[in-house]
PDB file of all heavy atoms in Angstrom:
ATOM      1  N   THR A   1      -5.604   7.205  13.359  1.00  0.00           N
ATOM      2  CA  THR A   1      -5.354   8.529  12.767  1.00  0.00           C
ATOM      3  C   THR A   1      -3.945   8.615  12.195  1.00  0.00           C
ATOM      4  O   THR A   1      -3.738   9.091  11.074  1.00  0.00           O
ATOM      5  CB  THR A   1      -5.562   9.623  13.819  1.00  0.00           C
ATOM      6  OG1 THR A   1      -6.893   9.535  14.322  1.00  0.00           O
ATOM      7  CG2 THR A   1      -5.330  10.995  13.218  1.00  0.00           C
ATOM      8  N   ILE A   2      -2.958   8.127  12.959  1.00  0.00           N
ATOM      9  CA  ILE A   2      -1.570   8.168  12.494  1.00  0.00           C
ATOM     10  C   ILE A   2      -1.375   7.207  11.320  1.00  0.00           C
ATOM     11  O   ILE A   2      -0.626   7.510  10.379  1.00  0.00           O
ATOM     12  CB  ILE A   2      -0.598   7.840  13.642  1.00  0.00           C
ATOM     13  CG1 ILE A   2      -0.809   8.808  14.804  1.00  0.00           C
ATOM     14  CG2 ILE A   2       0.840   7.910  13.169  1.00  0.00           C
ATOM     15  CD1 ILE A   2      -0.625  10.266  14.440  1.00  0.00           C
ATOM     16  N   GLN A   3      -2.047   6.049  11.353  1.00  0.00           N
ATOM     17  CA  GLN A   3      -1.982   5.126  10.211  1.00  0.00           C
ATOM     18  C   GLN A   3      -2.383   5.843   8.929  1.00  0.00           C
ATOM     19  O   GLN A   3      -1.695   5.753   7.908  1.00  0.00           O
ATOM     20  CB  GLN A   3      -2.933   3.946  10.436  1.00  0.00           C
ATOM     21  CG  GLN A   3      -2.446   2.897  11.398  1.00  0.00           C
ATOM     22  CD  GLN A   3      -3.381   1.707  11.459  1.00  0.00           C
ATOM     23  OE1 GLN A   3      -4.104   1.430  10.504  1.00  0.00           O
ATOM     24  NE2 GLN A   3      -3.372   1.013  12.577  1.00  0.00           N
ATOM     25  N   ALA A   4      -3.490   6.560   8.985  1.00  0.00           N
ATOM     26  CA  ALA A   4      -3.980   7.257   7.793  1.00  0.00           C
ATOM     27  C   ALA A   4      -2.969   8.301   7.322  1.00  0.00           C
ATOM     28  O   ALA A   4      -2.745   8.467   6.118  1.00  0.00           O
ATOM     29  CB  ALA A   4      -5.324   7.912   8.092  1.00  0.00           C
ATOM     30  N   GLN A   5      -2.336   8.995   8.255  1.00  0.00           N
ATOM     31  CA  GLN A   5      -1.345  10.004   7.891  1.00  0.00           C
ATOM     32  C   GLN A   5      -0.126   9.371   7.214  1.00  0.00           C
ATOM     33  O   GLN A   5       0.393   9.913   6.227  1.00  0.00           O
ATOM     34  CB  GLN A   5      -0.921  10.783   9.135  1.00  0.00           C
ATOM     35  CG  GLN A   5      -2.012  11.652   9.718  1.00  0.00           C
ATOM     36  CD  GLN A   5      -1.587  12.318  11.022  1.00  0.00           C
ATOM     37  OE1 GLN A   5      -0.450  12.167  11.466  1.00  0.00           O
ATOM     38  NE2 GLN A   5      -2.500  13.066  11.631  1.00  0.00           N
ATOM     39  N   ILE A   6       0.337   8.243   7.742  1.00  0.00           N
ATOM     40  CA  ILE A   6       1.509   7.580   7.165  1.00  0.00           C
ATOM     41  C   ILE A   6       1.191   7.066   5.765  1.00  0.00           C
ATOM     42  O   ILE A   6       1.990   7.198   4.822  1.00  0.00           O
ATOM     43  CB  ILE A   6       1.988   6.430   8.070  1.00  0.00           C
ATOM     44  CG1 ILE A   6       2.493   6.985   9.416  1.00  0.00           C
ATOM     45  CG2 ILE A   6       3.076   5.615   7.385  1.00  0.00           C
ATOM     46  CD1 ILE A   6       3.686   7.903   9.320  1.00  0.00           C
ATOM     47  N   LEU A   7       0.005   6.486   5.590  1.00  0.00           N
ATOM     48  CA  LEU A   7      -0.373   5.968   4.276  1.00  0.00           C
ATOM     49  C   LEU A   7      -0.531   7.107   3.265  1.00  0.00           C
ATOM     50  O   LEU A   7      -0.129   6.973   2.105  1.00  0.00           O
ATOM     51  CB  LEU A   7      -1.663   5.155   4.383  1.00  0.00           C
ATOM     52  CG  LEU A   7      -1.540   3.847   5.173  1.00  0.00           C
ATOM     53  CD1 LEU A   7      -2.911   3.220   5.386  1.00  0.00           C
ATOM     54  CD2 LEU A   7      -0.612   2.865   4.471  1.00  0.00           C
ATOM     55  N   GLU A   8      -1.096   8.213   3.691  1.00  0.00           N
ATOM     56  CA  GLU A   8      -1.225   9.368   2.801  1.00  0.00           C
ATOM     57  C   GLU A   8       0.146   9.928   2.447  1.00  0.00           C
ATOM     58  O   GLU A   8       0.381  10.367   1.318  1.00  0.00           O
ATOM     59  CB  GLU A   8      -2.087  10.445   3.457  1.00  0.00           C
ATOM     60  CG  GLU A   8      -2.137  11.766   2.691  1.00  0.00           C
ATOM     61  CD  GLU A   8      -2.542  11.612   1.230  1.00  0.00           C
ATOM     62  OE1 GLU A   8      -3.360  10.716   0.905  1.00  0.00           O
ATOM     63  OE2 GLU A   8      -2.024  12.394   0.397  1.00  0.00           O
ATOM     64  N   LEU A   9       1.073   9.891   3.400  1.00  0.00           N
ATOM     65  CA  LEU A   9       2.437  10.345   3.125  1.00  0.00           C
ATOM     66  C   LEU A   9       3.084   9.471   2.057  1.00  0.00           C
ATOM     67  O   LEU A   9       3.711   9.987   1.117  1.00  0.00           O
ATOM     68  CB  LEU A   9       3.259  10.308   4.414  1.00  0.00           C
ATOM     69  CG  LEU A   9       4.754  10.593   4.282  1.00  0.00           C
ATOM     70  CD1 LEU A   9       4.988  11.980   3.690  1.00  0.00           C
ATOM     71  CD2 LEU A   9       5.433  10.463   5.641  1.00  0.00           C
ATOM     72  N   ILE A  10       2.932   8.162   2.159  1.00  0.00           N
ATOM     73  CA  ILE A  10       3.500   7.255   1.151  1.00  0.00           C
ATOM     74  C   ILE A  10       2.878   7.526  -0.216  1.00  0.00           C
ATOM     75  O   ILE A  10       3.569   7.572  -1.241  1.00  0.00           O
ATOM     76  CB  ILE A  10       3.299   5.789   1.579  1.00  0.00           C
ATOM     77  CG1 ILE A  10       4.166   5.485   2.814  1.00  0.00           C
ATOM     78  CG2 ILE A  10       3.651   4.832   0.441  1.00  0.00           C
ATOM     79  CD1 ILE A  10       3.902   4.110   3.419  1.00  0.00           C
ATOM     80  N   ALA A  11       1.556   7.731  -0.237  1.00  0.00           N
ATOM     81  CA  ALA A  11       0.873   8.017  -1.506  1.00  0.00           C
ATOM     82  C   ALA A  11       1.369   9.335  -2.108  1.00  0.00           C
ATOM     83  O   ALA A  11       1.579   9.437  -3.321  1.00  0.00           O
ATOM     84  CB  ALA A  11      -0.637   8.063  -1.282  1.00  0.00           C
ATOM     85  N   ARG A  12       1.570  10.355  -1.263  1.00  0.00           N
ATOM     86  CA  ARG A  12       2.046  11.650  -1.759  1.00  0.00           C
ATOM     87  C   ARG A  12       3.463  11.545  -2.307  1.00  0.00           C
ATOM     88  O   ARG A  12       3.774  12.088  -3.378  1.00  0.00           O
ATOM     89  CB  ARG A  12       1.984  12.694  -0.641  1.00  0.00           C
ATOM     90  CG  ARG A  12       2.542  14.059  -1.046  1.00  0.00           C
ATOM     91  CD  ARG A  12       2.268  15.111   0.002  1.00  0.00           C
ATOM     92  NE  ARG A  12       2.917  14.833   1.272  1.00  0.00           N
ATOM     93  CZ  ARG A  12       4.196  15.084   1.533  1.00  0.00           C
ATOM     94  NH1 ARG A  12       4.981  15.583   0.594  1.00  0.00           N
ATOM     95  NH2 ARG A  12       4.702  14.832   2.726  1.00  0.00           N
ATOM     96  N   LEU A  13       4.324  10.827  -1.601  1.00  0.00           N
ATOM     97  CA  LEU A  13       5.701  10.665  -2.062  1.00  0.00           C
ATOM     98  C   LEU A  13       5.747   9.876  -3.373  1.00  0.00           C
ATOM     99  O   LEU A  13       6.578  10.155  -4.249  1.00  0.00           O
ATOM    100  CB  LEU A  13       6.523   9.959  -0.988  1.00  0.00           C
ATOM    101  CG  LEU A  13       6.765  10.771   0.294  1.00  0.00           C
ATOM    102  CD1 LEU A  13       7.372   9.893   1.370  1.00  0.00           C
ATOM    103  CD2 LEU A  13       7.651  11.968   0.006  1.00  0.00           C
ATOM    104  N   ARG A  14       4.846   8.921  -3.503  1.00  0.00           N
ATOM    105  CA  ARG A  14       4.768   8.182  -4.777  1.00  0.00           C
ATOM    106  C   ARG A  14       4.443   9.135  -5.922  1.00  0.00           C
ATOM    107  O   ARG A  14       5.053   9.086  -6.993  1.00  0.00           O
ATOM    108  CB  ARG A  14       3.706   7.079  -4.651  1.00  0.00           C
ATOM    109  CG  ARG A  14       3.504   6.213  -5.901  1.00  0.00           C
ATOM    110  CD  ARG A  14       2.406   6.739  -6.818  1.00  0.00           C
ATOM    111  NE  ARG A  14       1.082   6.602  -6.264  1.00  0.00           N
ATOM    112  CZ  ARG A  14       0.237   5.637  -6.593  1.00  0.00           C
ATOM    113  NH1 ARG A  14       0.590   4.726  -7.465  1.00  0.00           N
ATOM    114  NH2 ARG A  14      -0.971   5.597  -6.071  1.00  0.00           N
ATOM    115  N   ARG A  15       3.482  10.025  -5.678  1.00  0.00           N
ATOM    116  CA  ARG A  15       3.091  10.970  -6.727  1.00  0.00           C
ATOM    117  C   ARG A  15       4.208  11.961  -7.035  1.00  0.00           C
ATOM    118  O   ARG A  15       4.500  12.248  -8.195  1.00  0.00           O
ATOM    119  CB  ARG A  15       1.825  11.732  -6.303  1.00  0.00           C
ATOM    120  CG  ARG A  15       0.577  10.893  -6.185  1.00  0.00           C
ATOM    121  CD  ARG A  15      -0.654  11.780  -6.048  1.00  0.00           C
ATOM    122  NE  ARG A  15      -0.596  12.634  -4.865  1.00  0.00           N
ATOM    123  CZ  ARG A  15      -1.070  12.298  -3.667  1.00  0.00           C
ATOM    124  NH1 ARG A  15      -1.622  11.112  -3.486  1.00  0.00           N
ATOM    125  NH2 ARG A  15      -0.998  13.146  -2.652  1.00  0.00           N
ATOM    126  N   GLU A  16       4.839  12.503  -5.995  1.00  0.00           N
ATOM    127  CA  GLU A  16       5.831  13.551  -6.181  1.00  0.00           C
ATOM    128  C   GLU A  16       7.143  13.030  -6.742  1.00  0.00           C
ATOM    129  O   GLU A  16       7.800  13.708  -7.539  1.00  0.00           O
ATOM    130  CB  GLU A  16       6.094  14.251  -4.842  1.00  0.00           C
ATOM    131  CG  GLU A  16       4.909  15.048  -4.328  1.00  0.00           C
ATOM    132  CD  GLU A  16       5.152  15.647  -2.953  1.00  0.00           C
ATOM    133  OE1 GLU A  16       6.217  15.360  -2.343  1.00  0.00           O
ATOM    134  OE2 GLU A  16       4.284  16.407  -2.476  1.00  0.00           O
ATOM    135  N   ARG A  17       7.539  11.827  -6.320  1.00  0.00           N
ATOM    136  CA  ARG A  17       8.850  11.306  -6.705  1.00  0.00           C
ATOM    137  C   ARG A  17       8.775  10.221  -7.776  1.00  0.00           C
ATOM    138  O   ARG A  17       9.805   9.767  -8.264  1.00  0.00           O
ATOM    139  CB  ARG A  17       9.566  10.740  -5.477  1.00  0.00           C
ATOM    140  CG  ARG A  17      10.042  11.817  -4.491  1.00  0.00           C
ATOM    141  CD  ARG A  17      10.688  11.178  -3.284  1.00  0.00           C
ATOM    142  NE  ARG A  17      11.390  12.148  -2.450  1.00  0.00           N
ATOM    143  CZ  ARG A  17      12.689  12.102  -2.183  1.00  0.00           C
ATOM    144  NH1 ARG A  17      13.436  11.137  -2.699  1.00  0.00           N
ATOM    145  NH2 ARG A  17      13.255  13.003  -1.396  1.00  0.00           N
ATOM    146  N   GLY A  18       7.569   9.762  -8.116  1.00  0.00           N
ATOM    147  CA  GLY A  18       7.446   8.684  -9.095  1.00  0.00           C
ATOM    148  C   GLY A  18       7.958   7.358  -8.585  1.00  0.00           C
ATOM    149  O   GLY A  18       8.412   6.510  -9.366  1.00  0.00           O
ATOM    150  N   LEU A  19       7.897   7.160  -7.261  1.00  0.00           N
ATOM    151  CA  LEU A  19       8.393   5.920  -6.673  1.00  0.00           C
ATOM    152  C   LEU A  19       7.536   4.726  -7.072  1.00  0.00           C
ATOM    153  O   LEU A  19       6.312   4.821  -7.166  1.00  0.00           O
ATOM    154  CB  LEU A  19       8.364   6.017  -5.138  1.00  0.00           C
ATOM    155  CG  LEU A  19       9.323   6.974  -4.432  1.00  0.00           C
ATOM    156  CD1 LEU A  19       8.987   7.023  -2.952  1.00  0.00           C
ATOM    157  CD2 LEU A  19      10.751   6.512  -4.632  1.00  0.00           C
ATOM    158  N   GLY A  20       8.177   3.590  -7.274  1.00  0.00           N
ATOM    159  CA  GLY A  20       7.462   2.327  -7.266  1.00  0.00           C
ATOM    160  C   GLY A  20       7.433   1.832  -5.829  1.00  0.00           C
ATOM    161  O   GLY A  20       8.423   1.961  -5.105  1.00  0.00           O
ATOM    162  N   VAL A  21       6.308   1.295  -5.376  1.00  0.00           N
ATOM    163  CA  VAL A  21       6.148   0.908  -3.973  1.00  0.00           C
ATOM    164  C   VAL A  21       5.629  -0.524  -3.881  1.00  0.00           C
ATOM    165  O   VAL A  21       4.708  -0.904  -4.612  1.00  0.00           O
ATOM    166  CB  VAL A  21       5.174   1.853  -3.231  1.00  0.00           C
ATOM    167  CG1 VAL A  21       5.006   1.422  -1.767  1.00  0.00           C
ATOM    168  CG2 VAL A  21       5.652   3.297  -3.305  1.00  0.00           C
ATOM    169  N   ILE A  22       6.245  -1.308  -2.995  1.00  0.00           N
ATOM    170  CA  ILE A  22       5.665  -2.578  -2.563  1.00  0.00           C
ATOM    171  C   ILE A  22       5.152  -2.360  -1.150  1.00  0.00           C
ATOM    172  O   ILE A  22       5.916  -2.019  -0.245  1.00  0.00           O
ATOM    173  CB  ILE A  22       6.686  -3.731  -2.568  1.00  0.00           C
ATOM    174  CG1 ILE A  22       7.253  -3.956  -3.960  1.00  0.00           C
ATOM    175  CG2 ILE A  22       6.041  -5.016  -2.045  1.00  0.00           C
ATOM    176  CD1 ILE A  22       8.349  -5.022  -4.013  1.00  0.00           C
ATOM    177  N   LEU A  23       3.862  -2.514  -0.952  1.00  0.00           N
ATOM    178  CA  LEU A  23       3.242  -2.326   0.352  1.00  0.00           C
ATOM    179  C   LEU A  23       2.864  -3.697   0.908  1.00  0.00           C
ATOM    180  O   LEU A  23       2.029  -4.397   0.334  1.00  0.00           O
ATOM    181  CB  LEU A  23       2.008  -1.436   0.227  1.00  0.00           C
ATOM    182  CG  LEU A  23       1.187  -1.223   1.497  1.00  0.00           C
ATOM    183  CD1 LEU A  23       2.011  -0.486   2.555  1.00  0.00           C
ATOM    184  CD2 LEU A  23      -0.094  -0.457   1.194  1.00  0.00           C
ATOM    185  N   ILE A  24       3.474  -4.075   2.012  1.00  0.00           N
ATOM    186  CA  ILE A  24       3.186  -5.350   2.674  1.00  0.00           C
ATOM    187  C   ILE A  24       2.193  -5.086   3.795  1.00  0.00           C
ATOM    188  O   ILE A  24       2.428  -4.236   4.655  1.00  0.00           O
ATOM    189  CB  ILE A  24       4.472  -5.973   3.242  1.00  0.00           C
ATOM    190  CG1 ILE A  24       5.505  -6.196   2.132  1.00  0.00           C
ATOM    191  CG2 ILE A  24       4.172  -7.280   3.955  1.00  0.00           C
ATOM    192  CD1 ILE A  24       6.864  -6.619   2.646  1.00  0.00           C
ATOM    193  N   THR A  25       1.088  -5.810   3.800  1.00  0.00           N
ATOM    194  CA  THR A  25       0.078  -5.612   4.831  1.00  0.00           C
ATOM    195  C   THR A  25      -0.785  -6.858   4.966  1.00  0.00           C
ATOM    196  O   THR A  25      -0.783  -7.731   4.091  1.00  0.00           O
ATOM    197  CB  THR A  25      -0.804  -4.381   4.515  1.00  0.00           C
ATOM    198  OG1 THR A  25      -1.757  -4.180   5.548  1.00  0.00           O
ATOM    199  CG2 THR A  25      -1.541  -4.573   3.189  1.00  0.00           C
ATOM    200  N   HIS A  26      -1.512  -6.934   6.086  1.00  0.00           N
ATOM    201  CA  HIS A  26      -2.476  -8.022   6.260  1.00  0.00           C
ATOM    202  C   HIS A  26      -3.900  -7.518   6.060  1.00  0.00           C
ATOM    203  O   HIS A  26      -4.846  -8.298   6.124  1.00  0.00           O
ATOM    204  CB  HIS A  26      -2.356  -8.613   7.680  1.00  0.00           C
ATOM    205  CG  HIS A  26      -2.648  -7.610   8.754  1.00  0.00           C
ATOM    206  ND1 HIS A  26      -1.689  -6.757   9.239  1.00  0.00           N
ATOM    207  CD2 HIS A  26      -3.790  -7.299   9.403  1.00  0.00           C
ATOM    208  CE1 HIS A  26      -2.228  -5.973  10.164  1.00  0.00           C
ATOM    209  NE2 HIS A  26      -3.497  -6.276  10.270  1.00  0.00           N
ATOM    210  N   ASN A  27      -4.052  -6.230   5.811  1.00  0.00           N
ATOM    211  CA  ASN A  27      -5.362  -5.590   5.817  1.00  0.00           C
ATOM    212  C   ASN A  27      -5.752  -5.132   4.419  1.00  0.00           C
ATOM    213  O   ASN A  27      -5.200  -4.156   3.906  1.00  0.00           O
ATOM    214  CB  ASN A  27      -5.328  -4.401   6.789  1.00  0.00           C
ATOM    215  CG  ASN A  27      -6.698  -3.797   7.018  1.00  0.00           C
ATOM    216  OD1 ASN A  27      -7.638  -4.045   6.268  1.00  0.00           O
ATOM    217  ND2 ASN A  27      -6.808  -3.000   8.061  1.00  0.00           N
ATOM    218  N   LEU A  28      -6.708  -5.812   3.822  1.00  0.00           N
ATOM    219  CA  LEU A  28      -7.178  -5.413   2.491  1.00  0.00           C
ATOM    220  C   LEU A  28      -7.853  -4.052   2.514  1.00  0.00           C
ATOM    221  O   LEU A  28      -7.884  -3.349   1.500  1.00  0.00           O
ATOM    222  CB  LEU A  28      -8.142  -6.467   1.938  1.00  0.00           C
ATOM    223  CG  LEU A  28      -7.523  -7.557   1.074  1.00  0.00           C
ATOM    224  CD1 LEU A  28      -8.546  -8.630   0.746  1.00  0.00           C
ATOM    225  CD2 LEU A  28      -6.934  -6.993  -0.206  1.00  0.00           C
ATOM    226  N   GLY A  29      -8.390  -3.655   3.665  1.00  0.00           N
ATOM    227  CA  GLY A  29      -9.011  -2.345   3.765  1.00  0.00           C
ATOM    228  C   GLY A  29      -8.022  -1.225   3.537  1.00  0.00           C
ATOM    229  O   GLY A  29      -8.366  -0.180   2.971  1.00  0.00           O
ATOM    230  N   ILE A  30      -6.770  -1.416   3.951  1.00  0.00           N
ATOM    231  CA  ILE A  30      -5.742  -0.385   3.787  1.00  0.00           C
ATOM    232  C   ILE A  30      -5.430  -0.139   2.318  1.00  0.00           C
ATOM    233  O   ILE A  30      -5.237   0.997   1.885  1.00  0.00           O
ATOM    234  CB  ILE A  30      -4.463  -0.787   4.546  1.00  0.00           C
ATOM    235  CG1 ILE A  30      -4.657  -0.559   6.061  1.00  0.00           C
ATOM    236  CG2 ILE A  30      -3.242  -0.024   4.054  1.00  0.00           C
ATOM    237  CD1 ILE A  30      -3.479  -0.980   6.899  1.00  0.00           C
ATOM    238  N   VAL A  31      -5.393  -1.213   1.522  1.00  0.00           N
ATOM    239  CA  VAL A  31      -4.925  -1.077   0.146  1.00  0.00           C
ATOM    240  C   VAL A  31      -6.019  -0.641  -0.818  1.00  0.00           C
ATOM    241  O   VAL A  31      -5.724  -0.278  -1.956  1.00  0.00           O
ATOM    242  CB  VAL A  31      -4.298  -2.401  -0.362  1.00  0.00           C
ATOM    243  CG1 VAL A  31      -3.233  -2.887   0.596  1.00  0.00           C
ATOM    244  CG2 VAL A  31      -5.353  -3.486  -0.553  1.00  0.00           C
ATOM    245  N   ALA A  32      -7.272  -0.656  -0.369  1.00  0.00           N
ATOM    246  CA  ALA A  32      -8.384  -0.412  -1.288  1.00  0.00           C
ATOM    247  C   ALA A  32      -8.250   0.900  -2.048  1.00  0.00           C
ATOM    248  O   ALA A  32      -8.537   0.959  -3.242  1.00  0.00           O
ATOM    249  CB  ALA A  32      -9.705  -0.459  -0.518  1.00  0.00           C
ATOM    250  N   SER A  33      -7.825   1.949  -1.357  1.00  0.00           N
ATOM    251  CA  SER A  33      -7.728   3.257  -2.014  1.00  0.00           C
ATOM    252  C   SER A  33      -6.287   3.660  -2.292  1.00  0.00           C
ATOM    253  O   SER A  33      -6.043   4.783  -2.743  1.00  0.00           O
ATOM    254  CB  SER A  33      -8.381   4.329  -1.127  1.00  0.00           C
ATOM    255  OG  SER A  33      -7.724   4.396   0.124  1.00  0.00           O
ATOM    256  N   LEU A  34      -5.336   2.768  -2.016  1.00  0.00           N
ATOM    257  CA  LEU A  34      -3.926   3.136  -2.126  1.00  0.00           C
ATOM    258  C   LEU A  34      -3.197   2.382  -3.233  1.00  0.00           C
ATOM    259  O   LEU A  34      -2.435   2.971  -3.989  1.00  0.00           O
ATOM    260  CB  LEU A  34      -3.235   2.880  -0.779  1.00  0.00           C
ATOM    261  CG  LEU A  34      -1.818   3.410  -0.608  1.00  0.00           C
ATOM    262  CD1 LEU A  34      -1.804   4.931  -0.690  1.00  0.00           C
ATOM    263  CD2 LEU A  34      -1.247   2.956   0.730  1.00  0.00           C
ATOM    264  N   ALA A  35      -3.412   1.071  -3.324  1.00  0.00           N
ATOM    265  CA  ALA A  35      -2.642   0.233  -4.243  1.00  0.00           C
ATOM    266  C   ALA A  35      -3.266   0.205  -5.633  1.00  0.00           C
ATOM    267  O   ALA A  35      -4.481   0.334  -5.800  1.00  0.00           O
ATOM    268  CB  ALA A  35      -2.530  -1.179  -3.692  1.00  0.00           C
ATOM    269  N   ASP A  36      -2.415   0.018  -6.628  1.00  0.00           N
ATOM    270  CA  ASP A  36      -2.880  -0.162  -8.003  1.00  0.00           C
ATOM    271  C   ASP A  36      -3.173  -1.630  -8.292  1.00  0.00           C
ATOM    272  O   ASP A  36      -4.061  -1.952  -9.072  1.00  0.00           O
ATOM    273  CB  ASP A  36      -1.815   0.343  -8.983  1.00  0.00           C
ATOM    274  CG  ASP A  36      -1.473   1.799  -8.742  1.00  0.00           C
ATOM    275  OD1 ASP A  36      -2.368   2.645  -8.909  1.00  0.00           O
ATOM    276  OD2 ASP A  36      -0.326   2.089  -8.365  1.00  0.00           O
ATOM    277  N   ARG A  37      -2.402  -2.499  -7.645  1.00  0.00           N
ATOM    278  CA  ARG A  37      -2.546  -3.938  -7.878  1.00  0.00           C
ATOM    279  C   ARG A  37      -2.335  -4.678  -6.562  1.00  0.00           C
ATOM    280  O   ARG A  37      -1.549  -4.232  -5.714  1.00  0.00           O
ATOM    281  CB  ARG A  37      -1.543  -4.420  -8.931  1.00  0.00           C
ATOM    282  CG  ARG A  37      -1.796  -5.832  -9.404  1.00  0.00           C
ATOM    283  CD  ARG A  37      -1.019  -6.222 -10.644  1.00  0.00           C
ATOM    284  NE  ARG A  37      -1.460  -7.524 -11.096  1.00  0.00           N
ATOM    285  CZ  ARG A  37      -2.449  -7.743 -11.938  1.00  0.00           C
ATOM    286  NH1 ARG A  37      -3.089  -6.712 -12.453  1.00  0.00           N
ATOM    287  NH2 ARG A  37      -2.808  -8.965 -12.289  1.00  0.00           N
ATOM    288  N   VAL A  38      -3.031  -5.791  -6.392  1.00  0.00           N
ATOM    289  CA  VAL A  38      -2.946  -6.572  -5.160  1.00  0.00           C
ATOM    290  C   VAL A  38      -2.551  -8.007  -5.487  1.00  0.00           C
ATOM    291  O   VAL A  38      -3.087  -8.623  -6.418  1.00  0.00           O
ATOM    292  CB  VAL A  38      -4.290  -6.573  -4.399  1.00  0.00           C
ATOM    293  CG1 VAL A  38      -4.185  -7.418  -3.127  1.00  0.00           C
ATOM    294  CG2 VAL A  38      -4.721  -5.161  -4.053  1.00  0.00           C
ATOM    295  N   GLU A  39      -1.572  -8.501  -4.719  1.00  0.00           N
ATOM    296  CA  GLU A  39      -1.174  -9.903  -4.772  1.00  0.00           C
ATOM    297  C   GLU A  39      -1.519 -10.508  -3.408  1.00  0.00           C
ATOM    298  O   GLU A  39      -0.959 -10.102  -2.392  1.00  0.00           O
ATOM    299  CB  GLU A  39       0.336 -10.040  -5.026  1.00  0.00           C
ATOM    300  CG  GLU A  39       0.873  -9.199  -6.180  1.00  0.00           C
ATOM    301  CD  GLU A  39       0.421  -9.680  -7.539  1.00  0.00           C
ATOM    302  OE1 GLU A  39       0.101 -10.887  -7.656  1.00  0.00           O
ATOM    303  OE2 GLU A  39       0.397  -8.864  -8.486  1.00  0.00           O
ATOM    304  N   VAL A  40      -2.455 -11.435  -3.386  1.00  0.00           N
ATOM    305  CA  VAL A  40      -2.871 -12.065  -2.131  1.00  0.00           C
ATOM    306  C   VAL A  40      -2.030 -13.316  -1.913  1.00  0.00           C
ATOM    307  O   VAL A  40      -2.013 -14.216  -2.761  1.00  0.00           O
ATOM    308  CB  VAL A  40      -4.369 -12.425  -2.161  1.00  0.00           C
ATOM    309  CG1 VAL A  40      -4.787 -13.065  -0.838  1.00  0.00           C
ATOM    310  CG2 VAL A  40      -5.219 -11.185  -2.433  1.00  0.00           C
ATOM    311  N   MET A  41      -1.317 -13.353  -0.776  1.00  0.00           N
ATOM    312  CA  MET A  41      -0.435 -14.487  -0.476  1.00  0.00           C
ATOM    313  C   MET A  41      -1.020 -15.347   0.630  1.00  0.00           C
ATOM    314  O   MET A  41      -1.603 -14.840   1.591  1.00  0.00           O
ATOM    315  CB  MET A  41       0.959 -14.002  -0.057  1.00  0.00           C
ATOM    316  CG  MET A  41       1.793 -13.448  -1.187  1.00  0.00           C
ATOM    317  SD  MET A  41       3.553 -13.277  -0.752  1.00  0.00           S
ATOM    318  CE  MET A  41       4.083 -15.003  -0.699  1.00  0.00           C
ATOM    319  N   TYR A  42      -0.838 -16.659   0.461  1.00  0.00           N
ATOM    320  CA  TYR A  42      -1.236 -17.592   1.513  1.00  0.00           C
ATOM    321  C   TYR A  42      -0.278 -18.777   1.508  1.00  0.00           C
ATOM    322  O   TYR A  42      -0.102 -19.436   0.478  1.00  0.00           O
ATOM    323  CB  TYR A  42      -2.675 -18.095   1.314  1.00  0.00           C
ATOM    324  CG  TYR A  42      -3.109 -18.972   2.467  1.00  0.00           C
ATOM    325  CD1 TYR A  42      -3.529 -18.395   3.671  1.00  0.00           C
ATOM    326  CD2 TYR A  42      -3.053 -20.360   2.388  1.00  0.00           C
ATOM    327  CE1 TYR A  42      -3.877 -19.179   4.755  1.00  0.00           C
ATOM    328  CE2 TYR A  42      -3.407 -21.149   3.465  1.00  0.00           C
ATOM    329  CZ  TYR A  42      -3.816 -20.557   4.650  1.00  0.00           C
ATOM    330  OH  TYR A  42      -4.154 -21.341   5.732  1.00  0.00           O
ATOM    331  N   ALA A  43       0.350 -19.035   2.649  1.00  0.00           N
ATOM    332  CA  ALA A  43       1.223 -20.203   2.832  1.00  0.00           C
ATOM    333  C   ALA A  43       2.245 -20.349   1.706  1.00  0.00           C
ATOM    334  O   ALA A  43       2.443 -21.434   1.169  1.00  0.00           O
ATOM    335  CB  ALA A  43       0.375 -21.477   2.958  1.00  0.00           C
ATOM    336  N   GLY A  44       2.895 -19.228   1.367  1.00  0.00           N
ATOM    337  CA  GLY A  44       3.963 -19.265   0.376  1.00  0.00           C
ATOM    338  C   GLY A  44       3.530 -19.159  -1.065  1.00  0.00           C
ATOM    339  O   GLY A  44       4.381 -19.071  -1.958  1.00  0.00           O
ATOM    340  N   TRP A  45       2.232 -19.172  -1.324  1.00  0.00           N
ATOM    341  CA  TRP A  45       1.708 -19.026  -2.682  1.00  0.00           C
ATOM    342  C   TRP A  45       1.091 -17.641  -2.861  1.00  0.00           C
ATOM    343  O   TRP A  45       0.553 -17.072  -1.911  1.00  0.00           O
ATOM    344  CB  TRP A  45       0.578 -20.024  -2.951  1.00  0.00           C
ATOM    345  CG  TRP A  45       0.977 -21.431  -3.212  1.00  0.00           C
ATOM    346  CD1 TRP A  45       2.214 -21.910  -3.499  1.00  0.00           C
ATOM    347  CD2 TRP A  45       0.091 -22.560  -3.196  1.00  0.00           C
ATOM    348  NE1 TRP A  45       2.165 -23.266  -3.685  1.00  0.00           N
ATOM    349  CE2 TRP A  45       0.881 -23.697  -3.508  1.00  0.00           C
ATOM    350  CE3 TRP A  45      -1.268 -22.735  -2.969  1.00  0.00           C
ATOM    351  CZ2 TRP A  45       0.343 -24.983  -3.583  1.00  0.00           C
ATOM    352  CZ3 TRP A  45      -1.806 -24.005  -3.045  1.00  0.00           C
ATOM    353  CH2 TRP A  45      -1.005 -25.126  -3.352  1.00  0.00           C
ATOM    354  N   ILE A  46       1.111 -17.128  -4.086  1.00  0.00           N
ATOM    355  CA  ILE A  46       0.168 -16.084  -4.459  1.00  0.00           C
ATOM    356  C   ILE A  46      -1.097 -16.795  -4.924  1.00  0.00           C
ATOM    357  O   ILE A  46      -1.069 -17.570  -5.877  1.00  0.00           O
ATOM    358  CB  ILE A  46       0.732 -15.167  -5.557  1.00  0.00           C
ATOM    359  CG1 ILE A  46       1.824 -14.268  -4.970  1.00  0.00           C
ATOM    360  CG2 ILE A  46      -0.381 -14.307  -6.173  1.00  0.00           C
ATOM    361  CD1 ILE A  46       2.432 -13.291  -5.936  1.00  0.00           C
TER     362      ILE A  46
END
């Protein structure tokens, strides 16, 4: 529940302030509705 609140807060601040955001995560499920673009990294490579 708190994860969802924090992610929604980041999304709202992006909209209100026009922030560019780099979101680091291991969970593709988190970025599905949040990120505009995804870079998948493995062992030092994209």
